[in-house]
N, C-alpha and C. Protein backbone atom coordinates (compact mmCIF):
# COMPACT_ATOMS: atom_id res chain seq x y z
N MET A 1 43.99 12.66 -18.99
CA MET A 1 42.87 12.45 -19.90
C MET A 1 43.20 13.05 -21.25
N GLN A 2 42.68 12.43 -22.25
CA GLN A 2 42.88 12.90 -23.61
C GLN A 2 41.58 13.48 -24.12
N ILE A 3 41.64 14.72 -24.61
CA ILE A 3 40.48 15.35 -25.21
C ILE A 3 40.50 15.04 -26.70
N ILE A 4 39.42 14.47 -27.18
CA ILE A 4 39.29 14.20 -28.60
C ILE A 4 38.36 15.27 -29.15
N SER A 5 38.91 16.17 -29.90
CA SER A 5 38.11 17.24 -30.45
C SER A 5 38.34 17.29 -31.95
N GLY A 6 37.42 16.69 -32.66
CA GLY A 6 37.50 16.77 -34.11
C GLY A 6 37.01 18.15 -34.51
N ASN A 7 36.36 18.23 -35.59
CA ASN A 7 35.73 19.49 -35.98
C ASN A 7 34.43 19.60 -35.20
N VAL A 8 34.42 20.48 -34.19
CA VAL A 8 33.21 20.67 -33.40
C VAL A 8 32.16 21.29 -34.31
N VAL A 9 31.03 20.63 -34.39
CA VAL A 9 29.95 21.07 -35.27
C VAL A 9 28.85 21.69 -34.43
N ARG A 10 28.44 22.89 -34.81
CA ARG A 10 27.32 23.58 -34.17
C ARG A 10 26.34 23.99 -35.25
N ASP A 11 25.05 24.03 -34.88
CA ASP A 11 24.05 24.43 -35.87
C ASP A 11 23.94 25.95 -35.94
N ASP A 12 23.01 26.45 -36.74
CA ASP A 12 22.88 27.90 -36.94
C ASP A 12 22.42 28.64 -35.69
N ARG A 13 21.95 27.93 -34.68
CA ARG A 13 21.58 28.55 -33.40
C ARG A 13 22.71 28.45 -32.37
N GLY A 14 23.82 27.84 -32.78
CA GLY A 14 24.97 27.69 -31.89
C GLY A 14 24.91 26.45 -31.02
N ALA A 15 23.97 25.55 -31.30
CA ALA A 15 23.84 24.32 -30.50
C ALA A 15 24.87 23.30 -30.94
N TYR A 16 25.49 22.66 -29.96
CA TYR A 16 26.46 21.60 -30.21
C TYR A 16 25.80 20.46 -30.96
N ARG A 17 26.50 19.92 -31.95
CA ARG A 17 26.01 18.77 -32.71
C ARG A 17 26.94 17.57 -32.63
N ASP A 18 28.27 17.80 -32.70
CA ASP A 18 29.19 16.67 -32.77
C ASP A 18 30.62 17.16 -32.60
N GLY A 19 31.51 16.25 -32.15
CA GLY A 19 32.93 16.53 -32.23
C GLY A 19 33.72 16.55 -30.94
N LEU A 20 33.10 16.35 -29.77
CA LEU A 20 33.85 16.37 -28.52
C LEU A 20 33.74 15.05 -27.77
N ALA A 21 34.87 14.56 -27.30
CA ALA A 21 34.91 13.37 -26.46
C ALA A 21 36.15 13.46 -25.58
N VAL A 22 36.11 12.76 -24.46
CA VAL A 22 37.26 12.68 -23.55
C VAL A 22 37.51 11.21 -23.25
N VAL A 23 38.79 10.82 -23.28
CA VAL A 23 39.20 9.45 -22.99
C VAL A 23 39.99 9.44 -21.69
N SER A 24 39.76 8.42 -20.87
CA SER A 24 40.44 8.28 -19.59
C SER A 24 41.96 8.17 -19.79
N LYS A 25 42.70 8.45 -18.71
CA LYS A 25 44.16 8.38 -18.77
C LYS A 25 44.66 7.02 -19.21
N ASP A 26 43.97 5.96 -18.77
CA ASP A 26 44.41 4.61 -19.15
C ASP A 26 43.90 4.18 -20.52
N GLY A 27 43.11 5.04 -21.18
CA GLY A 27 42.66 4.77 -22.54
C GLY A 27 41.54 3.75 -22.66
N THR A 28 40.85 3.44 -21.56
CA THR A 28 39.84 2.38 -21.61
C THR A 28 38.40 2.88 -21.56
N VAL A 29 38.20 4.17 -21.24
CA VAL A 29 36.85 4.73 -21.13
C VAL A 29 36.77 6.01 -21.96
N LYS A 30 35.72 6.11 -22.75
CA LYS A 30 35.48 7.32 -23.55
C LYS A 30 34.09 7.84 -23.25
N VAL A 31 33.98 9.16 -23.07
CA VAL A 31 32.69 9.80 -22.87
C VAL A 31 32.55 10.89 -23.93
N GLU A 32 31.40 10.91 -24.57
CA GLU A 32 31.16 11.91 -25.60
C GLU A 32 29.76 12.48 -25.48
N TRP A 33 29.61 13.70 -25.96
CA TRP A 33 28.30 14.33 -26.00
C TRP A 33 27.55 13.89 -27.25
N VAL A 34 26.24 13.75 -27.10
CA VAL A 34 25.36 13.40 -28.21
C VAL A 34 24.16 14.34 -28.14
N ASN A 35 23.78 14.89 -29.28
CA ASN A 35 22.61 15.75 -29.33
C ASN A 35 21.52 15.03 -30.11
N LEU A 36 20.52 14.53 -29.37
CA LEU A 36 19.40 13.82 -29.98
C LEU A 36 18.15 14.67 -30.06
N GLY A 37 18.29 15.98 -29.79
CA GLY A 37 17.14 16.87 -29.86
C GLY A 37 16.20 16.72 -28.67
N GLU A 38 16.77 16.39 -27.51
CA GLU A 38 15.96 16.24 -26.30
C GLU A 38 15.81 17.58 -25.60
N GLY A 39 14.68 17.73 -24.91
CA GLY A 39 14.41 18.94 -24.14
C GLY A 39 13.96 18.59 -22.74
N TRP A 40 13.45 19.59 -22.03
CA TRP A 40 13.05 19.38 -20.63
C TRP A 40 11.87 18.42 -20.50
N ALA A 41 11.01 18.37 -21.50
CA ALA A 41 9.82 17.51 -21.39
C ALA A 41 9.67 16.63 -22.63
N GLY A 42 10.75 15.96 -23.01
CA GLY A 42 10.71 15.10 -24.20
C GLY A 42 11.51 15.73 -25.32
N ASP A 43 10.95 15.75 -26.52
CA ASP A 43 11.64 16.36 -27.66
C ASP A 43 11.77 17.87 -27.46
N TYR A 44 12.93 18.42 -27.81
CA TYR A 44 13.18 19.85 -27.73
C TYR A 44 12.22 20.60 -28.64
N ASN A 45 11.62 21.65 -28.11
CA ASN A 45 10.70 22.49 -28.88
C ASN A 45 11.31 23.89 -29.01
N PRO A 46 11.90 24.22 -30.17
CA PRO A 46 12.54 25.53 -30.33
C PRO A 46 11.55 26.69 -30.27
N ASN A 47 10.26 26.41 -30.38
CA ASN A 47 9.25 27.47 -30.30
C ASN A 47 8.82 27.75 -28.86
N ASP A 48 9.31 26.97 -27.92
CA ASP A 48 8.99 27.15 -26.50
C ASP A 48 10.18 27.84 -25.83
N SER A 49 9.99 29.08 -25.42
CA SER A 49 11.09 29.87 -24.84
C SER A 49 11.60 29.29 -23.52
N GLU A 50 10.85 28.41 -22.90
CA GLU A 50 11.29 27.82 -21.64
C GLU A 50 11.95 26.45 -21.82
N ASP A 51 12.02 25.98 -23.06
CA ASP A 51 12.66 24.70 -23.33
C ASP A 51 14.11 24.93 -23.72
N ASP A 52 14.95 23.95 -23.48
CA ASP A 52 16.35 23.97 -23.90
C ASP A 52 16.65 22.69 -24.66
N ASN A 53 17.55 22.81 -25.63
CA ASN A 53 18.08 21.65 -26.33
C ASN A 53 19.15 21.07 -25.41
N LEU A 54 18.89 19.90 -24.83
CA LEU A 54 19.77 19.30 -23.83
C LEU A 54 20.63 18.20 -24.43
N LEU A 55 21.85 18.09 -23.92
CA LEU A 55 22.77 17.07 -24.41
C LEU A 55 22.69 15.80 -23.58
N ARG A 56 23.05 14.72 -24.20
CA ARG A 56 23.14 13.39 -23.60
C ARG A 56 24.62 13.00 -23.63
N PHE A 57 25.07 12.27 -22.62
CA PHE A 57 26.42 11.71 -22.69
C PHE A 57 26.33 10.21 -22.91
N ASP A 58 27.26 9.71 -23.69
CA ASP A 58 27.41 8.28 -23.93
C ASP A 58 28.78 7.86 -23.42
N VAL A 59 28.80 6.77 -22.68
CA VAL A 59 30.05 6.20 -22.18
C VAL A 59 30.32 4.92 -22.95
N CYS A 60 31.55 4.78 -23.41
CA CYS A 60 31.98 3.55 -24.11
C CYS A 60 33.24 3.03 -23.43
N VAL A 61 33.46 1.74 -23.57
CA VAL A 61 34.69 1.12 -23.07
C VAL A 61 35.41 0.45 -24.23
N LEU A 62 36.72 0.39 -24.11
CA LEU A 62 37.55 -0.22 -25.16
C LEU A 62 37.66 -1.72 -24.90
N ARG A 63 37.16 -2.49 -25.87
CA ARG A 63 37.23 -3.95 -25.78
C ARG A 63 37.70 -4.49 -27.13
N ASP A 64 38.79 -5.20 -27.11
CA ASP A 64 39.34 -5.80 -28.33
C ASP A 64 39.52 -4.78 -29.44
N GLY A 65 39.95 -3.58 -29.07
CA GLY A 65 40.24 -2.54 -30.05
C GLY A 65 39.05 -1.74 -30.53
N ASP A 66 37.85 -2.04 -30.02
CA ASP A 66 36.65 -1.31 -30.44
C ASP A 66 35.99 -0.65 -29.25
N TRP A 67 35.40 0.52 -29.49
CA TRP A 67 34.62 1.20 -28.46
C TRP A 67 33.23 0.59 -28.44
N VAL A 68 32.84 0.08 -27.26
CA VAL A 68 31.54 -0.58 -27.13
C VAL A 68 30.76 -0.01 -25.94
N ASP A 69 29.46 -0.11 -26.04
CA ASP A 69 28.55 0.32 -24.99
C ASP A 69 28.54 -0.74 -23.89
N PRO A 70 28.87 -0.36 -22.64
CA PRO A 70 28.85 -1.36 -21.57
C PRO A 70 27.45 -1.60 -21.01
N GLY A 71 26.45 -0.92 -21.55
CA GLY A 71 25.07 -1.05 -21.07
C GLY A 71 24.78 -0.01 -20.00
N ASP A 72 23.57 0.53 -20.02
CA ASP A 72 23.15 1.54 -19.06
C ASP A 72 24.17 2.67 -18.96
N ALA A 73 24.61 3.19 -20.09
CA ALA A 73 25.69 4.18 -20.09
C ALA A 73 25.40 5.37 -20.99
N SER A 74 24.12 5.69 -21.18
CA SER A 74 23.73 6.84 -22.00
C SER A 74 22.61 7.57 -21.27
N TYR A 75 22.88 8.84 -20.92
CA TYR A 75 21.92 9.60 -20.13
C TYR A 75 21.77 11.03 -20.63
N CYS A 76 20.51 11.48 -20.69
CA CYS A 76 20.25 12.89 -20.97
C CYS A 76 20.62 13.68 -19.72
N THR A 77 21.12 14.89 -19.93
CA THR A 77 21.60 15.73 -18.84
C THR A 77 20.83 17.05 -18.80
N GLN A 78 21.27 17.91 -17.92
CA GLN A 78 20.75 19.27 -17.85
C GLN A 78 21.71 20.25 -18.54
N MET A 79 22.56 19.72 -19.41
CA MET A 79 23.55 20.54 -20.10
C MET A 79 22.97 21.07 -21.41
N PRO A 80 22.74 22.39 -21.49
CA PRO A 80 22.24 22.96 -22.74
C PRO A 80 23.26 22.81 -23.87
N ALA A 81 22.77 22.52 -25.03
CA ALA A 81 23.62 22.31 -26.21
C ALA A 81 24.36 23.58 -26.62
N ARG A 82 23.93 24.72 -26.14
CA ARG A 82 24.56 25.99 -26.53
C ARG A 82 25.75 26.37 -25.65
N GLU A 83 26.08 25.53 -24.66
CA GLU A 83 27.21 25.83 -23.77
C GLU A 83 28.52 25.86 -24.56
N SER A 84 29.49 26.58 -24.01
CA SER A 84 30.80 26.72 -24.66
C SER A 84 31.53 25.38 -24.69
N ASP A 85 32.47 25.26 -25.61
CA ASP A 85 33.31 24.06 -25.68
C ASP A 85 34.04 23.85 -24.36
N GLU A 86 34.50 24.92 -23.73
CA GLU A 86 35.22 24.83 -22.45
C GLU A 86 34.36 24.14 -21.39
N VAL A 87 33.11 24.56 -21.27
CA VAL A 87 32.21 23.96 -20.28
C VAL A 87 31.91 22.51 -20.64
N LEU A 88 31.67 22.24 -21.92
CA LEU A 88 31.36 20.88 -22.35
C LEU A 88 32.53 19.93 -22.10
N ILE A 89 33.75 20.38 -22.38
CA ILE A 89 34.93 19.54 -22.16
C ILE A 89 35.13 19.29 -20.67
N GLN A 90 34.98 20.33 -19.84
CA GLN A 90 35.16 20.15 -18.40
C GLN A 90 34.14 19.16 -17.84
N ALA A 91 32.91 19.23 -18.31
CA ALA A 91 31.88 18.29 -17.84
C ALA A 91 32.23 16.86 -18.24
N LEU A 92 32.72 16.68 -19.47
CA LEU A 92 33.14 15.34 -19.90
C LEU A 92 34.27 14.81 -19.03
N LYS A 93 35.22 15.68 -18.69
CA LYS A 93 36.33 15.27 -17.82
C LYS A 93 35.80 14.81 -16.46
N GLU A 94 34.82 15.54 -15.94
CA GLU A 94 34.25 15.16 -14.64
C GLU A 94 33.56 13.80 -14.72
N ILE A 95 32.84 13.56 -15.81
CA ILE A 95 32.16 12.28 -15.98
C ILE A 95 33.18 11.14 -16.08
N VAL A 96 34.22 11.34 -16.91
CA VAL A 96 35.27 10.32 -17.04
C VAL A 96 35.91 10.05 -15.68
N GLY A 97 36.21 11.11 -14.94
CA GLY A 97 36.83 10.96 -13.64
C GLY A 97 35.99 10.15 -12.66
N GLU A 98 34.69 10.31 -12.74
CA GLU A 98 33.79 9.60 -11.83
C GLU A 98 33.60 8.13 -12.20
N VAL A 99 33.63 7.82 -13.49
CA VAL A 99 33.30 6.45 -13.93
C VAL A 99 34.53 5.58 -14.20
N SER A 100 35.69 6.18 -14.39
CA SER A 100 36.90 5.40 -14.68
C SER A 100 37.17 4.40 -13.56
N GLY A 101 37.44 3.17 -13.94
CA GLY A 101 37.72 2.11 -12.99
C GLY A 101 36.48 1.53 -12.33
N LYS A 102 35.31 2.00 -12.74
CA LYS A 102 34.07 1.54 -12.10
C LYS A 102 33.09 0.92 -13.08
N ILE A 103 33.54 0.63 -14.30
CA ILE A 103 32.67 -0.01 -15.28
C ILE A 103 32.29 -1.39 -14.73
N GLY A 104 31.03 -1.69 -14.82
CA GLY A 104 30.49 -2.89 -14.21
C GLY A 104 29.69 -2.54 -12.96
N HIS A 105 30.02 -1.38 -12.39
CA HIS A 105 29.31 -0.84 -11.23
C HIS A 105 28.99 0.62 -11.50
N HIS A 106 28.70 0.94 -12.74
CA HIS A 106 28.61 2.32 -13.18
C HIS A 106 27.19 2.89 -13.25
N LYS A 107 26.18 2.06 -13.24
CA LYS A 107 24.82 2.54 -13.51
C LYS A 107 24.39 3.67 -12.57
N LYS A 108 24.50 3.48 -11.27
CA LYS A 108 24.07 4.49 -10.30
C LYS A 108 24.92 5.75 -10.41
N ILE A 109 26.21 5.58 -10.64
CA ILE A 109 27.11 6.73 -10.81
C ILE A 109 26.64 7.59 -11.98
N LEU A 110 26.37 6.94 -13.12
CA LEU A 110 25.96 7.68 -14.30
C LEU A 110 24.56 8.26 -14.15
N GLU A 111 23.67 7.56 -13.47
CA GLU A 111 22.34 8.14 -13.20
C GLU A 111 22.49 9.45 -12.43
N ASN A 112 23.36 9.45 -11.42
CA ASN A 112 23.59 10.68 -10.65
C ASN A 112 24.21 11.78 -11.50
N LEU A 113 25.09 11.41 -12.42
CA LEU A 113 25.73 12.39 -13.29
C LEU A 113 24.79 12.94 -14.35
N SER A 114 23.63 12.32 -14.53
CA SER A 114 22.66 12.86 -15.49
C SER A 114 22.17 14.25 -15.06
N TRP A 115 22.39 14.60 -13.81
CA TRP A 115 22.00 15.93 -13.32
C TRP A 115 23.03 17.00 -13.68
N ILE A 116 24.13 16.60 -14.31
CA ILE A 116 25.18 17.57 -14.61
C ILE A 116 24.66 18.66 -15.54
N GLY A 117 25.04 19.87 -15.22
CA GLY A 117 24.68 21.04 -16.03
C GLY A 117 25.81 22.04 -15.95
N PRO A 118 25.64 23.21 -16.53
CA PRO A 118 26.73 24.18 -16.58
C PRO A 118 27.08 24.80 -15.23
N LYS A 119 26.15 24.89 -14.32
CA LYS A 119 26.43 25.53 -13.02
C LYS A 119 27.34 24.65 -12.20
N GLY A 120 28.45 25.19 -11.79
CA GLY A 120 29.38 24.48 -10.93
C GLY A 120 30.38 23.62 -11.65
N VAL A 121 30.24 23.42 -12.95
CA VAL A 121 31.18 22.55 -13.68
C VAL A 121 32.60 23.07 -13.57
N LEU A 122 32.80 24.34 -13.79
CA LEU A 122 34.15 24.89 -13.78
C LEU A 122 34.62 25.24 -12.37
N ASN A 123 33.74 25.08 -11.39
CA ASN A 123 34.12 25.37 -10.00
C ASN A 123 34.46 24.11 -9.23
N GLY A 124 34.23 22.92 -9.85
CA GLY A 124 34.39 21.66 -9.13
C GLY A 124 35.77 21.12 -9.12
């Protein structure tokens, strides 16, 4: 797998904003983190101590030289945006590993992976 790490951007609270993606070994699937300001119950509320800014993953496939959405491939997760780059990269690798070679039959796989969070990522 290839890790694509541009300039990882974090906000003043340390929340991930942009810059990490992982591409499958065969170069046909890319998974990246997206921060849309989602929380446990809709939009993230920084004034609620029990809310977390949660990340979403987007899966794209390479078609005719362009990265495209294969449909049903973007899910909010239980991954807090403040997690370390190491944890975020490992989670992306796990997602790529699960979905590679299964595009077209990926919806249920990705729905299950929406439960991914920091616990157990580095132990798997």
